[in-house]
Amino acid sequence: MTVGLVIVSHSAQLAAGVVELAAQMARDVVLAPAGGTDDGGIGTSLEKVMSAMGLADTGDGVVVLTDLGSAVMTAESALEFMGSPENMVLADAPLVEGAVAAAVAAQSGATLAVVQKAAETALDPGAAASAKAPGAAQAPGGSQAPCGGQPSDGGPAADKGAGAGHSTGAAVTAVLTLINPMGLHARPAAVLAGELGAMDVDIEINGADGQSVFLLMALGAGEGRELHVSASGPDAQRAVDLVRSKVEEGFGEL
């Protein structure tokens, strides 16, 4: 099972849309929308939120995300009515970006605390390193590589060879070329971030943290672009092999 997500919005359509988007990144995660009032108007409903929390509770915990201020109050009231369960938390996060980041983390098997942190640091790359915590498939990702500002076209440790990973001291590196027409768009970025996030590895792709879906998307890497991969840690070789296999198969889009 995975941590479930509840999306609380003043608009039923907005809540459903965020769930639809996040589901594309994390097909195994339970996402429950709670949008609009009971009569279909704009607003929030305590009953809807409580029902969604129950639906999303798979046993591994629930992270609740909201849009505007009164939605926060409704979610807080729902948690109080339910006895403030320890396995349900309210994330202080942007609704869309937080939901996507949380869904990707949950898909990788992350713990409740890690999924909450992923949501809350979705728009703060500098804080992404603290999103890792012990638990879930060995702390969905061990320690995380420093982001160090804007992604670059490649790190100094990148192998300039033909794409075969090899060990340089503690690092495993590779240079790979994107062959799928859309390049490293949202879905492939989510696939990489989710699977790499479950490994004990520090990995950078063109200078960006390979365990962050948003930093990978920010690379804007299209078809034909080289990906310079550098990884260290216990799962370094496995991580580079994963990136290579996904890139060479065109992320299943060919």
Protein backbone atom coordinates (compact mmCIF):
# COMPACT_ATOMS: atom_id res chain seq x y z
CA MET A 1 0.00 0.00 0.00
CA THR A 2 1.01 3.65 -0.30
CA VAL A 3 0.28 6.90 1.49
CA GLY A 4 -2.99 8.36 0.21
CA LEU A 5 -3.71 11.97 -0.77
CA VAL A 6 -6.77 14.17 -0.27
CA ILE A 7 -7.20 17.24 -2.47
CA VAL A 8 -9.42 19.92 -0.90
CA SER A 9 -10.55 22.78 -3.10
CA HIS A 10 -13.36 25.32 -3.28
CA SER A 11 -14.06 23.98 -6.77
CA ALA A 12 -15.13 20.41 -7.45
CA GLN A 13 -13.67 20.67 -10.95
CA LEU A 14 -10.32 21.94 -9.67
CA ALA A 15 -10.05 19.15 -7.08
CA ALA A 16 -10.90 16.55 -9.71
CA GLY A 17 -8.41 18.07 -12.16
CA VAL A 18 -5.55 17.99 -9.65
CA VAL A 19 -6.36 14.37 -8.88
CA GLU A 20 -6.39 13.56 -12.61
CA LEU A 21 -3.00 15.23 -13.10
CA ALA A 22 -1.34 13.63 -10.07
CA ALA A 23 -2.73 10.22 -11.03
CA GLN A 24 -0.76 10.37 -14.28
CA MET A 25 2.42 10.47 -12.19
CA ALA A 26 1.40 7.90 -9.60
CA ARG A 27 -1.06 5.29 -10.78
CA ASP A 28 -0.87 3.19 -7.61
CA VAL A 29 -1.59 6.03 -5.17
CA VAL A 30 -5.10 6.58 -3.82
CA LEU A 31 -6.11 10.19 -4.53
CA ALA A 32 -9.45 11.46 -3.23
CA PRO A 33 -10.93 14.82 -4.33
CA ALA A 34 -13.01 16.90 -1.93
CA GLY A 35 -14.12 19.94 -3.87
CA GLY A 36 -17.08 22.27 -3.68
CA THR A 37 -20.07 22.37 -1.38
CA ASP A 38 -22.64 19.65 -0.84
CA ASP A 39 -25.03 21.36 -3.27
CA GLY A 40 -22.41 21.68 -6.00
CA GLY A 41 -21.48 25.29 -5.35
CA ILE A 42 -18.15 26.99 -4.76
CA GLY A 43 -16.89 26.40 -1.24
CA THR A 44 -15.90 23.51 0.97
CA SER A 45 -17.79 20.76 2.73
CA LEU A 46 -16.80 19.20 6.03
CA GLU A 47 -18.64 16.01 5.11
CA LYS A 48 -16.90 15.76 1.74
CA VAL A 49 -13.49 16.25 3.29
CA MET A 50 -14.09 13.66 6.00
CA SER A 51 -15.38 11.17 3.44
CA ALA A 52 -12.34 11.73 1.22
CA MET A 53 -10.01 11.22 4.17
CA GLY A 54 -11.66 7.89 4.86
CA LEU A 55 -11.36 6.83 1.22
CA ALA A 56 -7.68 7.78 1.04
CA ASP A 57 -6.74 6.01 4.27
CA THR A 58 -5.08 2.80 3.07
CA GLY A 59 -3.34 2.21 6.37
CA ASP A 60 -0.07 3.94 5.49
CA GLY A 61 -1.33 7.44 6.20
CA VAL A 62 -3.00 10.37 4.46
CA VAL A 63 -1.62 13.74 3.37
CA VAL A 64 -4.21 16.49 2.88
CA LEU A 65 -3.58 19.40 0.50
CA THR A 66 -5.78 22.49 0.22
CA ASP A 67 -6.17 25.57 -1.95
CA LEU A 68 -7.47 28.73 -0.20
CA GLY A 69 -7.59 29.74 3.45
CA SER A 70 -11.06 28.51 4.41
CA ALA A 71 -10.26 25.13 2.88
CA VAL A 72 -7.47 24.84 5.45
CA MET A 73 -9.96 25.53 8.23
CA THR A 74 -12.36 22.94 6.87
CA ALA A 75 -9.58 20.35 6.67
CA GLU A 76 -8.45 21.16 10.20
CA SER A 77 -12.02 20.79 11.45
CA ALA A 78 -12.35 17.45 9.67
CA LEU A 79 -9.20 16.19 11.35
CA GLU A 80 -10.50 17.32 14.74
CA PHE A 81 -13.86 15.60 14.20
CA MET A 82 -11.98 12.42 13.30
CA GLY A 83 -10.01 12.59 16.54
CA SER A 84 -6.84 14.10 15.06
CA PRO A 85 -5.47 10.72 13.89
CA GLU A 86 -1.68 10.49 13.88
CA ASN A 87 -1.65 8.97 10.40
CA MET A 88 -3.34 12.00 8.80
CA VAL A 89 -1.49 15.27 8.24
CA LEU A 90 -2.25 18.62 6.62
CA ALA A 91 0.53 19.79 4.30
CA ASP A 92 1.47 23.46 4.06
CA ALA A 93 2.03 23.23 0.32
CA PRO A 94 0.95 24.61 -3.06
CA LEU A 95 -2.02 22.59 -4.26
CA VAL A 96 -0.96 21.52 -7.76
CA GLU A 97 2.82 21.29 -7.40
CA GLY A 98 2.53 19.84 -3.90
CA ALA A 99 0.07 17.19 -5.01
CA VAL A 100 2.27 16.08 -7.91
CA ALA A 101 5.42 15.95 -5.76
CA ALA A 102 3.60 14.11 -2.98
CA ALA A 103 2.09 11.62 -5.43
CA VAL A 104 5.50 10.85 -6.93
CA ALA A 105 6.96 10.33 -3.45
CA ALA A 106 4.06 8.12 -2.39
CA GLN A 107 4.38 6.06 -5.57
CA SER A 108 7.98 5.27 -4.60
CA GLY A 109 6.82 3.87 -1.26
CA ALA A 110 7.77 6.87 0.87
CA THR A 111 6.65 7.22 4.47
CA LEU A 112 3.99 9.69 5.56
CA ALA A 113 6.60 12.20 6.77
CA VAL A 114 8.54 12.02 3.51
CA VAL A 115 5.40 12.44 1.37
CA GLN A 116 4.38 15.47 3.44
CA LYS A 117 7.85 16.99 3.12
CA ALA A 118 7.88 16.35 -0.63
CA ALA A 119 4.68 18.37 -0.95
CA GLU A 120 5.94 21.19 1.23
CA THR A 121 9.26 21.56 -0.59
CA ALA A 122 7.86 21.19 -4.12
CA LEU A 123 8.64 24.82 -5.01
CA ASP A 124 11.76 25.12 -2.86
CA PRO A 125 14.64 23.21 -4.49
CA GLY A 126 17.02 24.38 -1.79
CA ALA A 127 14.98 22.54 0.82
CA ALA A 128 14.60 19.36 -1.21
CA ALA A 129 17.58 17.70 0.47
CA SER A 130 15.72 17.71 3.77
CA ALA A 131 12.78 15.88 2.22
CA LYS A 132 14.49 12.56 2.90
CA ALA A 133 13.85 10.76 6.14
CA PRO A 134 14.41 7.21 7.38
CA GLY A 135 11.67 4.85 6.39
CA ALA A 136 9.88 3.42 3.37
CA ALA A 137 11.96 1.55 0.84
CA GLN A 138 15.12 2.61 2.68
CA ALA A 139 14.21 6.27 3.00
CA PRO A 140 12.99 6.85 -0.51
CA GLY A 141 16.36 7.77 -1.63
CA GLY A 142 19.14 7.82 0.87
CA SER A 143 20.70 11.21 1.22
CA GLN A 144 19.94 13.64 -1.52
CA ALA A 145 22.43 15.38 -3.74
CA PRO A 146 22.80 19.13 -3.20
CA CYS A 147 20.98 21.10 -5.82
CA GLY A 148 23.39 24.00 -5.84
CA GLY A 149 21.19 26.44 -7.74
CA GLN A 150 20.19 26.19 -11.37
CA PRO A 151 20.68 22.94 -13.29
CA SER A 152 23.65 22.92 -15.63
CA ASP A 153 24.32 20.98 -18.81
CA GLY A 154 26.47 18.49 -16.99
CA GLY A 155 28.78 18.01 -14.05
CA PRO A 156 32.54 17.70 -14.10
CA ALA A 157 32.25 14.02 -13.22
CA ALA A 158 30.14 13.25 -16.27
CA ASP A 159 31.55 10.61 -18.55
CA LYS A 160 32.20 11.92 -22.03
CA GLY A 161 32.07 8.46 -23.52
CA ALA A 162 29.36 6.74 -25.49
CA GLY A 163 26.90 6.32 -22.63
CA ALA A 164 28.24 3.31 -20.72
CA GLY A 165 28.26 3.94 -16.97
CA HIS A 166 31.50 3.33 -15.15
CA SER A 167 32.94 3.93 -11.74
CA THR A 168 35.25 6.89 -11.18
CA GLY A 169 36.27 6.55 -7.58
CA ALA A 170 33.02 6.68 -5.64
CA ALA A 171 31.00 7.92 -8.61
CA VAL A 172 29.19 6.05 -11.37
CA THR A 173 28.66 8.18 -14.47
CA ALA A 174 27.11 7.99 -17.90
CA VAL A 175 26.20 10.16 -20.86
CA LEU A 176 22.87 9.23 -22.44
CA THR A 177 20.89 10.70 -25.32
CA LEU A 178 17.13 11.19 -25.18
CA ILE A 179 15.42 9.47 -28.10
CA ASN A 180 11.73 9.87 -27.28
CA PRO A 181 10.05 12.72 -29.20
CA MET A 182 8.83 14.58 -26.09
CA GLY A 183 12.07 14.26 -24.18
CA LEU A 184 12.13 14.55 -20.40
CA HIS A 185 8.59 15.88 -19.96
CA ALA A 186 6.38 15.42 -16.91
CA ARG A 187 5.67 11.67 -17.09
CA PRO A 188 9.27 10.51 -17.70
CA ALA A 189 10.49 12.94 -15.04
CA ALA A 190 8.01 11.46 -12.58
CA VAL A 191 9.06 7.92 -13.50
CA LEU A 192 12.72 8.70 -12.85
CA ALA A 193 12.15 10.74 -9.69
CA GLY A 194 9.85 8.12 -8.24
CA GLU A 195 12.07 5.10 -8.88
CA LEU A 196 15.31 6.89 -8.02
CA GLY A 197 13.68 8.22 -4.88
CA ALA A 198 13.36 4.67 -3.56
CA MET A 199 17.12 4.12 -3.83
CA ASP A 200 19.97 4.92 -1.46
CA VAL A 201 21.80 7.17 -3.88
CA ASP A 202 22.90 10.74 -4.55
CA ILE A 203 22.26 11.29 -8.25
CA GLU A 204 22.45 14.30 -10.54
CA ILE A 205 21.22 14.55 -14.12
CA ASN A 206 22.66 17.56 -15.92
CA GLY A 207 23.33 19.06 -12.51
CA ALA A 208 19.75 18.63 -11.29
CA ASP A 209 18.70 16.37 -8.45
CA GLY A 210 17.51 13.18 -10.10
CA GLN A 211 15.08 12.51 -7.27
CA SER A 212 13.12 15.75 -7.84
CA VAL A 213 10.41 15.64 -10.49
CA PHE A 214 10.28 19.43 -10.77
CA LEU A 215 14.03 19.91 -11.16
CA LEU A 216 14.11 17.24 -13.87
CA MET A 217 11.22 18.90 -15.69
CA ALA A 218 12.97 22.28 -15.36
CA LEU A 219 15.87 20.97 -17.46
CA GLY A 220 13.67 21.31 -20.54
CA ALA A 221 15.56 18.38 -22.09
CA GLY A 222 14.07 17.50 -25.46
CA GLU A 223 14.73 14.81 -28.04
CA GLY A 224 18.43 14.51 -28.88
CA ARG A 225 19.59 16.19 -25.67
CA GLU A 226 22.42 14.53 -23.78
CA LEU A 227 21.87 13.61 -20.14
CA HIS A 228 25.03 13.65 -18.02
CA VAL A 229 24.39 11.33 -15.11
CA SER A 230 26.55 11.12 -11.99
CA ALA A 231 25.67 8.97 -8.98
CA SER A 232 27.26 7.92 -5.71
CA GLY A 233 26.16 5.80 -2.80
CA PRO A 234 25.24 2.13 -2.28
CA ASP A 235 22.72 2.09 -5.15
CA ALA A 236 24.76 4.21 -7.57
CA GLN A 237 25.25 1.54 -10.24
CA ARG A 238 21.64 0.41 -10.03
CA ALA A 239 20.44 4.01 -10.32
CA VAL A 240 22.53 4.76 -13.40
CA ASP A 241 21.43 1.47 -14.97
CA LEU A 242 17.81 2.46 -14.35
CA VAL A 243 18.24 5.85 -16.02
CA ARG A 244 20.02 4.21 -18.97
CA SER A 245 17.31 1.59 -19.48
CA LYS A 246 14.51 4.17 -19.34
CA VAL A 247 16.29 6.51 -21.76
CA GLU A 248 17.23 3.75 -24.22
CA GLU A 249 13.68 2.42 -24.31
CA GLY A 250 12.37 5.95 -24.89
CA PHE A 251 10.39 5.80 -21.65
CA GLY A 252 8.02 3.45 -23.47
CA GLU A 253 6.91 6.23 -25.82
CA LEU A 254 8.45 5.00 -29.10
